PDB file of N, CA and C in Angstrom:
ATOM      1  N   MET A   1      88.286 -50.264 -23.032  1.00  0.00           N
ATOM      2  CA  MET A   1      87.223 -49.282 -22.842  1.00  0.00           C
ATOM      3  C   MET A   1      87.393 -48.779 -21.367  1.00  0.00           C
ATOM      4  N   THR A   2      87.528 -47.500 -21.163  1.00  0.00           N
ATOM      5  CA  THR A   2      87.628 -47.000 -19.821  1.00  0.00           C
ATOM      6  C   THR A   2      86.299 -46.418 -19.385  1.00  0.00           C
ATOM      7  N   LEU A   3      85.994 -46.738 -18.088  1.00  0.00           N
ATOM      8  CA  LEU A   3      84.678 -46.187 -17.617  1.00  0.00           C
ATOM      9  C   LEU A   3      84.875 -44.779 -17.004  1.00  0.00           C
ATOM     10  N   THR A   4      83.872 -44.036 -17.124  1.00  0.00           N
ATOM     11  CA  THR A   4      83.891 -42.757 -16.498  1.00  0.00           C
ATOM     12  C   THR A   4      83.651 -42.882 -15.000  1.00  0.00           C
ATOM     13  N   PRO A   5      83.928 -41.934 -14.169  1.00  0.00           N
ATOM     14  CA  PRO A   5      83.754 -42.021 -12.702  1.00  0.00           C
ATOM     15  C   PRO A   5      82.301 -42.367 -12.351  1.00  0.00           C
ATOM     16  N   THR A   6      81.387 -41.866 -13.026  1.00  0.00           N
ATOM     17  CA  THR A   6      79.952 -42.056 -12.812  1.00  0.00           C
ATOM     18  C   THR A   6      79.641 -43.529 -13.101  1.00  0.00           C
ATOM     19  N   GLN A   7      80.046 -44.030 -14.317  1.00  0.00           N
ATOM     20  CA  GLN A   7      79.807 -45.471 -14.630  1.00  0.00           C
ATOM     21  C   GLN A   7      80.420 -46.433 -13.649  1.00  0.00           C
ATOM     22  N   THR A   8      81.669 -46.135 -13.158  1.00  0.00           N
ATOM     23  CA  THR A   8      82.323 -46.877 -12.161  1.00  0.00           C
ATOM     24  C   THR A   8      81.564 -46.855 -10.836  1.00  0.00           C
ATOM     25  N   LEU A   9      81.161 -45.780 -10.413  1.00  0.00           N
ATOM     26  CA  LEU A   9      80.325 -45.636  -9.161  1.00  0.00           C
ATOM     27  C   LEU A   9      79.009 -46.485  -9.279  1.00  0.00           C
ATOM     28  N   ILE A  10      78.299 -46.303 -10.419  1.00  0.00           N
ATOM     29  CA  ILE A  10      77.067 -47.109 -10.691  1.00  0.00           C
ATOM     30  C   ILE A  10      77.300 -48.602 -10.685  1.00  0.00           C
ATOM     31  N   THR A  11      78.458 -48.991 -11.338  1.00  0.00           N
ATOM     32  CA  THR A  11      78.843 -50.414 -11.385  1.00  0.00           C
ATOM     33  C   THR A  11      79.098 -50.993  -9.977  1.00  0.00           C
ATOM     34  N   VAL A  12      79.858 -50.158  -9.208  1.00  0.00           N
ATOM     35  CA  VAL A  12      80.172 -50.694  -7.788  1.00  0.00           C
ATOM     36  C   VAL A  12      78.942 -50.719  -7.019  1.00  0.00           C
ATOM     37  N   ALA A  13      78.045 -49.678  -7.084  1.00  0.00           N
ATOM     38  CA  ALA A  13      76.802 -49.707  -6.332  1.00  0.00           C
ATOM     39  C   ALA A  13      75.881 -50.957  -6.739  1.00  0.00           C
ATOM     40  N   VAL A  14      75.753 -51.204  -7.992  1.00  0.00           N
ATOM     41  CA  VAL A  14      74.927 -52.278  -8.334  1.00  0.00           C
ATOM     42  C   VAL A  14      75.554 -53.615  -7.907  1.00  0.00           C
ATOM     43  N   LEU A  15      76.923 -53.803  -7.869  1.00  0.00           N
ATOM     44  CA  LEU A  15      77.528 -55.066  -7.372  1.00  0.00           C
ATOM     45  C   LEU A  15      77.317 -55.087  -5.856  1.00  0.00           C
ATOM     46  N   VAL A  16      77.444 -54.000  -5.166  1.00  0.00           N
ATOM     47  CA  VAL A  16      77.179 -54.013  -3.679  1.00  0.00           C
ATOM     48  C   VAL A  16      75.767 -54.328  -3.349  1.00  0.00           C
ATOM     49  N   LEU A  17      74.815 -53.795  -3.995  1.00  0.00           N
ATOM     50  CA  LEU A  17      73.422 -54.081  -3.858  1.00  0.00           C
ATOM     51  C   LEU A  17      73.074 -55.534  -4.078  1.00  0.00           C
ATOM     52  N   GLY A  18      73.604 -56.088  -5.185  1.00  0.00           N
ATOM     53  CA  GLY A  18      73.389 -57.426  -5.529  1.00  0.00           C
ATOM     54  C   GLY A  18      73.945 -58.384  -4.540  1.00  0.00           C
ATOM     55  N   THR A  19      75.133 -58.020  -3.949  1.00  0.00           N
ATOM     56  CA  THR A  19      75.803 -58.861  -2.918  1.00  0.00           C
ATOM     57  C   THR A  19      74.978 -58.831  -1.629  1.00  0.00           C
ATOM     58  N   VAL A  20      74.532 -57.634  -1.239  1.00  0.00           N
ATOM     59  CA  VAL A  20      73.773 -57.516  -0.010  1.00  0.00           C
ATOM     60  C   VAL A  20      72.454 -58.286  -0.179  1.00  0.00           C
ATOM     61  N   ILE A  21      71.726 -58.098  -1.228  1.00  0.00           N
ATOM     62  CA  ILE A  21      70.474 -58.867  -1.485  1.00  0.00           C
ATOM     63  C   ILE A  21      70.725 -60.379  -1.354  1.00  0.00           C
ATOM     64  N   THR A  22      71.741 -60.908  -2.107  1.00  0.00           N
ATOM     65  CA  THR A  22      71.828 -62.345  -2.105  1.00  0.00           C
ATOM     66  C   THR A  22      72.295 -62.863  -0.736  1.00  0.00           C
ATOM     67  N   ARG A  23      73.029 -62.085   0.122  1.00  0.00           N
ATOM     68  CA  ARG A  23      73.475 -62.512   1.363  1.00  0.00           C
ATOM     69  C   ARG A  23      72.346 -62.402   2.385  1.00  0.00           C
ATOM     70  N   ALA A  24      71.469 -61.429   2.199  1.00  0.00           N
ATOM     71  CA  ALA A  24      70.337 -61.302   3.233  1.00  0.00           C
ATOM     72  C   ALA A  24      69.140 -62.128   2.901  1.00  0.00           C
ATOM     73  N   MET A  25      68.954 -62.564   1.644  1.00  0.00           N
ATOM     74  CA  MET A  25      67.805 -63.331   1.233  1.00  0.00           C
ATOM     75  C   MET A  25      67.525 -64.568   1.969  1.00  0.00           C
ATOM     76  N   PRO A  26      68.530 -65.382   2.311  1.00  0.00           N
ATOM     77  CA  PRO A  26      68.206 -66.610   3.119  1.00  0.00           C
ATOM     78  C   PRO A  26      67.613 -66.264   4.436  1.00  0.00           C
ATOM     79  N   PHE A  27      67.958 -65.171   5.076  1.00  0.00           N
ATOM     80  CA  PHE A  27      67.374 -64.769   6.376  1.00  0.00           C
ATOM     81  C   PHE A  27      65.884 -64.369   6.290  1.00  0.00           C
ATOM     82  N   PHE A  28      65.539 -63.825   5.083  1.00  0.00           N
ATOM     83  CA  PHE A  28      64.110 -63.444   4.936  1.00  0.00           C
ATOM     84  C   PHE A  28      63.320 -64.704   4.443  1.00  0.00           C
ATOM     85  N   LEU A  29      63.940 -65.537   3.580  1.00  0.00           N
ATOM     86  CA  LEU A  29      63.137 -66.750   3.085  1.00  0.00           C
ATOM     87  C   LEU A  29      63.024 -67.847   4.205  1.00  0.00           C
ATOM     88  N   PHE A  30      63.996 -67.899   5.061  1.00  0.00           N
ATOM     89  CA  PHE A  30      64.011 -68.981   6.089  1.00  0.00           C
ATOM     90  C   PHE A  30      64.262 -68.322   7.431  1.00  0.00           C
ATOM     91  N   PRO A  31      63.299 -67.715   8.071  1.00  0.00           N
ATOM     92  CA  PRO A  31      63.480 -67.047   9.332  1.00  0.00           C
ATOM     93  C   PRO A  31      63.682 -68.213  10.412  1.00  0.00           C
ATOM     94  N   PRO A  32      64.287 -67.823  11.596  1.00  0.00           N
ATOM     95  CA  PRO A  32      64.484 -68.801  12.620  1.00  0.00           C
ATOM     96  C   PRO A  32      63.230 -69.457  13.281  1.00  0.00           C
ATOM     97  N   ASN A  33      62.248 -68.664  13.235  1.00  0.00           N
ATOM     98  CA  ASN A  33      60.964 -69.224  13.848  1.00  0.00           C
ATOM     99  C   ASN A  33      60.202 -70.168  12.970  1.00  0.00           C
ATOM    100  N   ARG A  34      60.576 -70.367  11.768  1.00  0.00           N
ATOM    101  CA  ARG A  34      59.953 -71.339  10.938  1.00  0.00           C
ATOM    102  C   ARG A  34      60.899 -72.522  10.580  1.00  0.00           C
ATOM    103  N   GLU A  35      60.325 -73.705  10.334  1.00  0.00           N
ATOM    104  CA  GLU A  35      61.136 -74.858   9.996  1.00  0.00           C
ATOM    105  C   GLU A  35      61.679 -74.732   8.539  1.00  0.00           C
ATOM    106  N   THR A  36      62.864 -75.139   8.425  1.00  0.00           N
ATOM    107  CA  THR A  36      63.530 -75.163   7.033  1.00  0.00           C
ATOM    108  C   THR A  36      62.842 -76.274   6.157  1.00  0.00           C
ATOM    109  N   PRO A  37      62.532 -75.973   5.013  1.00  0.00           N
ATOM    110  CA  PRO A  37      61.828 -76.848   4.120  1.00  0.00           C
ATOM    111  C   PRO A  37      62.674 -78.160   3.913  1.00  0.00           C
ATOM    112  N   ALA A  38      61.988 -79.346   3.705  1.00  0.00           N
ATOM    113  CA  ALA A  38      62.721 -80.548   3.602  1.00  0.00           C
ATOM    114  C   ALA A  38      63.594 -80.635   2.406  1.00  0.00           C
ATOM    115  N   PHE A  39      63.159 -79.989   1.336  1.00  0.00           N
ATOM    116  CA  PHE A  39      63.908 -79.980   0.112  1.00  0.00           C
ATOM    117  C   PHE A  39      65.306 -79.135   0.243  1.00  0.00           C
ATOM    118  N   VAL A  40      65.171 -78.082   1.036  1.00  0.00           N
ATOM    119  CA  VAL A  40      66.393 -77.340   1.301  1.00  0.00           C
ATOM    120  C   VAL A  40      67.414 -78.144   2.142  1.00  0.00           C
ATOM    121  N   MET A  41      66.846 -78.863   3.102  1.00  0.00           N
ATOM    122  CA  MET A  41      67.737 -79.719   3.937  1.00  0.00           C
ATOM    123  C   MET A  41      68.303 -80.783   3.108  1.00  0.00           C
ATOM    124  N   TYR A  42      67.579 -81.389   2.124  1.00  0.00           N
ATOM    125  CA  TYR A  42      68.062 -82.374   1.226  1.00  0.00           C
ATOM    126  C   TYR A  42      69.271 -81.861   0.410  1.00  0.00           C
ATOM    127  N   LEU A  43      68.998 -80.652  -0.155  1.00  0.00           N
ATOM    128  CA  LEU A  43      70.030 -80.069  -0.996  1.00  0.00           C
ATOM    129  C   LEU A  43      71.284 -79.782  -0.112  1.00  0.00           C
ATOM    130  N   GLY A  44      71.121 -79.468   1.106  1.00  0.00           N
ATOM    131  CA  GLY A  44      72.306 -79.253   1.981  1.00  0.00           C
ATOM    132  C   GLY A  44      73.026 -80.556   2.229  1.00  0.00           C
ATOM    133  N   ARG A  45      72.350 -81.664   2.118  1.00  0.00           N
ATOM    134  CA  ARG A  45      73.101 -82.937   2.310  1.00  0.00           C
ATOM    135  C   ARG A  45      73.712 -83.375   1.019  1.00  0.00           C
ATOM    136  N   VAL A  46      73.130 -83.293  -0.121  1.00  0.00           N
ATOM    137  CA  VAL A  46      73.623 -83.827  -1.244  1.00  0.00           C
ATOM    138  C   VAL A  46      74.518 -82.966  -2.211  1.00  0.00           C
ATOM    139  N   LEU A  47      74.353 -81.578  -2.111  1.00  0.00           N
ATOM    140  CA  LEU A  47      75.098 -80.731  -3.049  1.00  0.00           C
ATOM    141  C   LEU A  47      76.575 -80.750  -2.762  1.00  0.00           C
ATOM    142  N   PRO A  48      77.053 -80.790  -1.587  1.00  0.00           N
ATOM    143  CA  PRO A  48      78.565 -80.801  -1.355  1.00  0.00           C
ATOM    144  C   PRO A  48      79.258 -81.895  -2.194  1.00  0.00           C
ATOM    145  N   TYR A  49      78.623 -83.094  -2.100  1.00  0.00           N
ATOM    146  CA  TYR A  49      79.261 -84.201  -2.880  1.00  0.00           C
ATOM    147  C   TYR A  49      79.129 -83.927  -4.382  1.00  0.00           C
ATOM    148  N   ALA A  50      77.961 -83.443  -4.850  1.00  0.00           N
ATOM    149  CA  ALA A  50      77.884 -83.201  -6.283  1.00  0.00           C
ATOM    150  C   ALA A  50      78.773 -82.212  -6.770  1.00  0.00           C
ATOM    151  N   VAL A  51      78.952 -81.156  -5.988  1.00  0.00           N
ATOM    152  CA  VAL A  51      79.955 -80.025  -6.326  1.00  0.00           C
ATOM    153  C   VAL A  51      81.391 -80.647  -6.435  1.00  0.00           C
ATOM    154  N   MET A  52      81.767 -81.473  -5.463  1.00  0.00           N
ATOM    155  CA  MET A  52      83.149 -82.057  -5.396  1.00  0.00           C
ATOM    156  C   MET A  52      83.246 -82.913  -6.685  1.00  0.00           C
ATOM    157  N   GLY A  53      82.296 -83.756  -6.996  1.00  0.00           N
ATOM    158  CA  GLY A  53      82.312 -84.563  -8.209  1.00  0.00           C
ATOM    159  C   GLY A  53      82.393 -83.729  -9.470  1.00  0.00           C
ATOM    160  N   LEU A  54      81.685 -82.610  -9.574  1.00  0.00           N
ATOM    161  CA  LEU A  54      81.757 -81.697 -10.583  1.00  0.00           C
ATOM    162  C   LEU A  54      83.164 -81.094 -10.701  1.00  0.00           C
ATOM    163  N   LEU A  55      83.799 -80.704  -9.640  1.00  0.00           N
ATOM    164  CA  LEU A  55      85.061 -80.155  -9.665  1.00  0.00           C
ATOM    165  C   LEU A  55      86.025 -81.129 -10.110  1.00  0.00           C
ATOM    166  N   VAL A  56      85.981 -82.436  -9.763  1.00  0.00           N
ATOM    167  CA  VAL A  56      87.005 -83.471 -10.139  1.00  0.00           C
ATOM    168  C   VAL A  56      86.808 -83.636 -11.625  1.00  0.00           C
ATOM    169  N   VAL A  57      85.553 -83.703 -12.209  1.00  0.00           N
ATOM    170  CA  VAL A  57      85.364 -83.866 -13.647  1.00  0.00           C
ATOM    171  C   VAL A  57      85.945 -82.565 -14.437  1.00  0.00           C
ATOM    172  N   PHE A  58      85.684 -81.432 -13.896  1.00  0.00           N
ATOM    173  CA  PHE A  58      86.113 -80.234 -14.491  1.00  0.00           C
ATOM    174  C   PHE A  58      87.672 -80.148 -14.576  1.00  0.00           C
ATOM    175  N   CYS A  59      88.270 -80.510 -13.386  1.00  0.00           N
ATOM    176  CA  CYS A  59      89.721 -80.524 -13.435  1.00  0.00           C
ATOM    177  C   CYS A  59      90.447 -81.433 -14.255  1.00  0.00           C
ATOM    178  N   LEU A  60      89.776 -82.573 -14.557  1.00  0.00           N
ATOM    179  CA  LEU A  60      90.320 -83.716 -15.359  1.00  0.00           C
ATOM    180  C   LEU A  60      89.835 -83.709 -16.661  1.00  0.00           C
ATOM    181  N   LYS A  61      89.056 -82.759 -17.166  1.00  0.00           N
ATOM    182  CA  LYS A  61      88.549 -82.841 -18.591  1.00  0.00           C
ATOM    183  C   LYS A  61      89.524 -82.669 -19.598  1.00  0.00           C
ATOM    184  N   GLY A  62      90.582 -81.954 -19.369  1.00  0.00           N
ATOM    185  CA  GLY A  62      91.638 -81.616 -20.380  1.00  0.00           C
ATOM    186  C   GLY A  62      92.797 -82.522 -20.356  1.00  0.00           C
ATOM    187  N   VAL A  63      92.876 -83.618 -19.520  1.00  0.00           N
ATOM    188  CA  VAL A  63      93.909 -84.489 -19.402  1.00  0.00           C
ATOM    189  C   VAL A  63      93.969 -85.406 -20.631  1.00  0.00           C
ATOM    190  N   THR A  64      95.142 -85.458 -21.216  1.00  0.00           N
ATOM    191  CA  THR A  64      95.253 -86.360 -22.400  1.00  0.00           C
ATOM    192  C   THR A  64      96.125 -87.574 -21.929  1.00  0.00           C
ATOM    193  N   VAL A  65      95.548 -88.756 -22.011  1.00  0.00           N
ATOM    194  CA  VAL A  65      96.146 -89.998 -21.595  1.00  0.00           C
ATOM    195  C   VAL A  65      96.947 -90.668 -22.739  1.00  0.00           C
ATOM    196  N   THR A  66      96.757 -90.174 -24.019  1.00  0.00           N
ATOM    197  CA  THR A  66      97.358 -90.742 -25.081  1.00  0.00           C
ATOM    198  C   THR A  66      98.755 -90.064 -25.468  1.00  0.00           C
ATOM    199  N   ALA A  67      99.027 -88.957 -24.859  1.00  0.00           N
ATOM    200  CA  ALA A  67     100.314 -88.181 -25.221  1.00  0.00           C
ATOM    201  C   ALA A  67     101.040 -87.939 -23.868  1.00  0.00           C
ATOM    202  N   ALA A  68     102.379 -87.726 -23.977  1.00  0.00           N
ATOM    203  CA  ALA A  68     103.084 -87.496 -22.728  1.00  0.00           C
ATOM    204  C   ALA A  68     102.524 -86.110 -22.090  1.00  0.00           C
ATOM    205  N   PRO A  69     102.588 -86.100 -20.802  1.00  0.00           N
ATOM    206  CA  PRO A  69     102.999 -87.037 -19.773  1.00  0.00           C
ATOM    207  C   PRO A  69     101.953 -87.982 -19.326  1.00  0.00           C
ATOM    208  N   TYR A  70     100.930 -88.267 -20.222  1.00  0.00           N
ATOM    209  CA  TYR A  70      99.973 -89.376 -19.954  1.00  0.00           C
ATOM    210  C   TYR A  70      99.181 -89.234 -18.728  1.00  0.00           C
ATOM    211  N   GLY A  71      98.908 -88.003 -18.310  1.00  0.00           N
ATOM    212  CA  GLY A  71      98.128 -87.767 -17.093  1.00  0.00           C
ATOM    213  C   GLY A  71      98.799 -88.152 -15.728  1.00  0.00           C
ATOM    214  N   LEU A  72     100.049 -88.452 -15.868  1.00  0.00           N
ATOM    215  CA  LEU A  72     100.828 -88.793 -14.615  1.00  0.00           C
ATOM    216  C   LEU A  72     100.829 -87.692 -13.565  1.00  0.00           C
ATOM    217  N   PRO A  73     100.967 -86.447 -13.830  1.00  0.00           N
ATOM    218  CA  PRO A  73     100.948 -85.393 -12.739  1.00  0.00           C
ATOM    219  C   PRO A  73      99.562 -85.416 -11.971  1.00  0.00           C
ATOM    220  N   GLU A  74      98.529 -85.542 -12.806  1.00  0.00           N
ATOM    221  CA  GLU A  74      97.222 -85.605 -12.208  1.00  0.00           C
ATOM    222  C   GLU A  74      96.876 -86.810 -11.307  1.00  0.00           C
ATOM    223  N   LEU A  75      97.406 -87.946 -11.847  1.00  0.00           N
ATOM    224  CA  LEU A  75      97.236 -89.246 -11.137  1.00  0.00           C
ATOM    225  C   LEU A  75      98.079 -89.266  -9.851  1.00  0.00           C
ATOM    226  N   ILE A  76      99.258 -88.689  -9.894  1.00  0.00           N
ATOM    227  CA  ILE A  76     100.082 -88.726  -8.668  1.00  0.00           C
ATOM    228  C   ILE A  76      99.471 -87.676  -7.616  1.00  0.00           C
ATOM    229  N   ALA A  77      99.007 -86.494  -8.102  1.00  0.00           N
ATOM    230  CA  ALA A  77      98.362 -85.575  -7.263  1.00  0.00           C
ATOM    231  C   ALA A  77      97.093 -86.187  -6.640  1.00  0.00           C
ATOM    232  N   ILE A  78      96.272 -86.858  -7.367  1.00  0.00           N
ATOM    233  CA  ILE A  78      94.966 -87.505  -6.912  1.00  0.00           C
ATOM    234  C   ILE A  78      95.445 -88.614  -5.837  1.00  0.00           C
ATOM    235  N   LEU A  79      96.431 -89.372  -6.120  1.00  0.00           N
ATOM    236  CA  LEU A  79      96.886 -90.406  -5.091  1.00  0.00           C
ATOM    237  C   LEU A  79      97.404 -89.702  -3.922  1.00  0.00           C
ATOM    238  N   CYS A  80      98.072 -88.643  -3.976  1.00  0.00           N
ATOM    239  CA  CYS A  80      98.528 -87.798  -2.796  1.00  0.00           C
ATOM    240  C   CYS A  80      97.292 -87.324  -1.971  1.00  0.00           C
ATOM    241  N   ILE A  81      96.225 -86.833  -2.675  1.00  0.00           N
ATOM    242  CA  ILE A  81      95.112 -86.394  -2.043  1.00  0.00           C
ATOM    243  C   ILE A  81      94.514 -87.472  -1.182  1.00  0.00           C
ATOM    244  N   LEU A  82      94.377 -88.647  -1.903  1.00  0.00           N
ATOM    245  CA  LEU A  82      93.710 -89.771  -1.243  1.00  0.00           C
ATOM    246  C   LEU A  82      94.518 -90.280   0.007  1.00  0.00           C
ATOM    247  N   VAL A  83      95.874 -90.281  -0.116  1.00  0.00           N
ATOM    248  CA  VAL A  83      96.559 -90.747   1.030  1.00  0.00           C
ATOM    249  C   VAL A  83      96.586 -89.803   2.156  1.00  0.00           C
ATOM    250  N   LEU A  84      96.739 -88.469   1.802  1.00  0.00           N
ATOM    251  CA  LEU A  84      96.587 -87.416   2.847  1.00  0.00           C
ATOM    252  C   LEU A  84      95.225 -87.422   3.528  1.00  0.00           C
ATOM    253  N   HIS A  85      94.162 -87.616   2.841  1.00  0.00           N
ATOM    254  CA  HIS A  85      92.902 -87.587   3.374  1.00  0.00           C
ATOM    255  C   HIS A  85      92.679 -88.894   4.285  1.00  0.00           C
ATOM    256  N   LEU A  86      93.122 -90.026   3.809  1.00  0.00           N
ATOM    257  CA  LEU A  86      92.931 -91.262   4.586  1.00  0.00           C
ATOM    258  C   LEU A  86      93.814 -91.156   5.860  1.00  0.00           C
ATOM    259  N   TRP A  87      94.878 -90.543   5.695  1.00  0.00           N
ATOM    260  CA  TRP A  87      95.875 -90.459   6.790  1.00  0.00           C
ATOM    261  C   TRP A  87      95.437 -89.466   7.933  1.00  0.00           C
ATOM    262  N   LYS A  88      95.082 -88.297   7.489  1.00  0.00           N
ATOM    263  CA  LYS A  88      94.810 -87.170   8.452  1.00  0.00           C
ATOM    264  C   LYS A  88      93.344 -86.817   8.548  1.00  0.00           C
ATOM    265  N   ASN A  89      92.494 -87.219   7.600  1.00  0.00           N
ATOM    266  CA  ASN A  89      91.018 -86.942   7.487  1.00  0.00           C
ATOM    267  C   ASN A  89      90.765 -85.399   7.639  1.00  0.00           C
ATOM    268  N   ASN A  90      91.572 -84.661   6.856  1.00  0.00           N
ATOM    269  CA  ASN A  90      91.521 -83.151   6.950  1.00  0.00           C
ATOM    270  C   ASN A  90      91.328 -82.719   5.434  1.00  0.00           C
ATOM    271  N   ILE A  91      90.196 -82.242   5.152  1.00  0.00           N
ATOM    272  CA  ILE A  91      89.969 -81.762   3.785  1.00  0.00           C
ATOM    273  C   ILE A  91      90.861 -80.657   3.250  1.00  0.00           C
ATOM    274  N   LEU A  92      91.133 -79.716   4.141  1.00  0.00           N
ATOM    275  CA  LEU A  92      91.983 -78.489   3.690  1.00  0.00           C
ATOM    276  C   LEU A  92      93.422 -79.059   3.461  1.00  0.00           C
ATOM    277  N   LEU A  93      93.898 -79.896   4.272  1.00  0.00           N
ATOM    278  CA  LEU A  93      95.232 -80.508   4.187  1.00  0.00           C
ATOM    279  C   LEU A  93      95.260 -81.286   2.891  1.00  0.00           C
ATOM    280  N   SER A  94      94.321 -82.150   2.569  1.00  0.00           N
ATOM    281  CA  SER A  94      94.271 -82.971   1.410  1.00  0.00           C
ATOM    282  C   SER A  94      94.236 -82.046   0.114  1.00  0.00           C
ATOM    283  N   ILE A  95      93.367 -81.123   0.035  1.00  0.00           N
ATOM    284  CA  ILE A  95      93.255 -80.203  -1.103  1.00  0.00           C
ATOM    285  C   ILE A  95      94.586 -79.469  -1.262  1.00  0.00           C
ATOM    286  N   GLY A  96      94.974 -78.815  -0.159  1.00  0.00           N
ATOM    287  CA  GLY A  96      96.211 -77.972  -0.228  1.00  0.00           C
ATOM    288  C   GLY A  96      97.363 -78.780  -0.541  1.00  0.00           C
ATOM    289  N   GLY A  97      97.571 -79.960   0.062  1.00  0.00           N
ATOM    290  CA  GLY A  97      98.727 -80.858  -0.302  1.00  0.00           C
ATOM    291  C   GLY A  97      98.743 -81.264  -1.673  1.00  0.00           C
ATOM    292  N   GLY A  98      97.550 -81.643  -2.136  1.00  0.00           N
ATOM    293  CA  GLY A  98      97.444 -82.145  -3.581  1.00  0.00           C
ATOM    294  C   GLY A  98      97.741 -81.070  -4.556  1.00  0.00           C
ATOM    295  N   THR A  99      97.291 -79.890  -4.264  1.00  0.00           N
ATOM    296  CA  THR A  99      97.603 -78.618  -5.102  1.00  0.00           C
ATOM    297  C   THR A  99      99.021 -78.483  -5.178  1.00  0.00           C
ATOM    298  N   ILE A 100      99.704 -78.453  -4.019  1.00  0.00           N
ATOM    299  CA  ILE A 100     101.105 -78.122  -4.006  1.00  0.00           C
ATOM    300  C   ILE A 100     101.933 -79.226  -4.703  1.00  0.00           C
ATOM    301  N   ILE A 101     101.545 -80.471  -4.510  1.00  0.00           N
ATOM    302  CA  ILE A 101     102.227 -81.611  -5.221  1.00  0.00           C
ATOM    303  C   ILE A 101     102.034 -81.414  -6.642  1.00  0.00           C
ATOM    304  N   TYR A 102     100.790 -81.158  -7.099  1.00  0.00           N
ATOM    305  CA  TYR A 102     100.488 -81.003  -8.624  1.00  0.00           C
ATOM    306  C   TYR A 102     101.301 -79.890  -9.212  1.00  0.00           C
ATOM    307  N   MET A 103     101.375 -78.751  -8.478  1.00  0.00           N
ATOM    308  CA  MET A 103     102.041 -77.519  -8.975  1.00  0.00           C
ATOM    309  C   MET A 103     103.539 -77.876  -9.069  1.00  0.00           C
ATOM    310  N   LEU A 104     104.097 -78.506  -8.107  1.00  0.00           N
ATOM    311  CA  LEU A 104     105.514 -78.862  -8.138  1.00  0.00           C
ATOM    312  C   LEU A 104     105.836 -79.867  -9.355  1.00  0.00           C
ATOM    313  N   LEU A 105     105.026 -80.894  -9.519  1.00  0.00           N
ATOM    314  CA  LEU A 105     105.081 -81.726 -10.630  1.00  0.00           C
ATOM    315  C   LEU A 105     105.133 -81.192 -11.912  1.00  0.00           C
ATOM    316  N   VAL A 106     104.099 -80.267 -12.219  1.00  0.00           N
ATOM    317  CA  VAL A 106     103.974 -79.728 -13.546  1.00  0.00           C
ATOM    318  C   VAL A 106     105.018 -78.532 -13.836  1.00  0.00           C
ATOM    319  N   GLN A 107     105.516 -77.996 -12.687  1.00  0.00           N
ATOM    320  CA  GLN A 107     106.514 -76.914 -12.957  1.00  0.00           C
ATOM    321  C   GLN A 107     108.004 -77.340 -12.947  1.00  0.00           C
ATOM    322  N   HIS A 108     108.268 -78.501 -12.321  1.00  0.00           N
ATOM    323  CA  HIS A 108     109.652 -78.908 -12.123  1.00  0.00           C
ATOM    324  C   HIS A 108     109.974 -80.273 -12.779  1.00  0.00           C
ATOM    325  N   PHE A 109     109.019 -81.155 -12.787  1.00  0.00           N
ATOM    326  CA  PHE A 109     109.262 -82.473 -13.337  1.00  0.00           C
ATOM    327  C   PHE A 109     108.736 -82.897 -14.631  1.00  0.00           C
ATOM    328  N   PHE A 110     107.411 -82.403 -14.896  1.00  0.00           N
ATOM    329  CA  PHE A 110     106.841 -82.782 -16.214  1.00  0.00           C
ATOM    330  C   PHE A 110     106.717 -81.458 -17.032  1.00  0.00           C
ATOM    331  N   ILE A 111     107.872 -80.947 -17.390  1.00  0.00           N
ATOM    332  CA  ILE A 111     107.907 -79.770 -18.219  1.00  0.00           C
ATOM    333  C   ILE A 111     107.628 -79.976 -19.612  1.00  0.00           C
TER     334      ILE A 111
END
């Protein structure tokens, strides 16, 4: 289905408006002269860990340990992530290195 120029313009305008509203909303809800609610501070502390756990579960949900390659690429990549993080304590290096290792494994070794 092809959109007309008017439909495309309306779609882009609605997307821009939605983005601006969601980006500006925290500044109106939590102005600098008021204290941030305790619940929001709590969410700021616990959500990063919850999101990382959710991402790990999501990434590993399709791994089959009963058939070849028995989850070996994933296991090797996770071990590389752990070693990199314990060694350098750098999240970007850990995630990037693990991703590169995993992609090399599934594209060249576990075909």
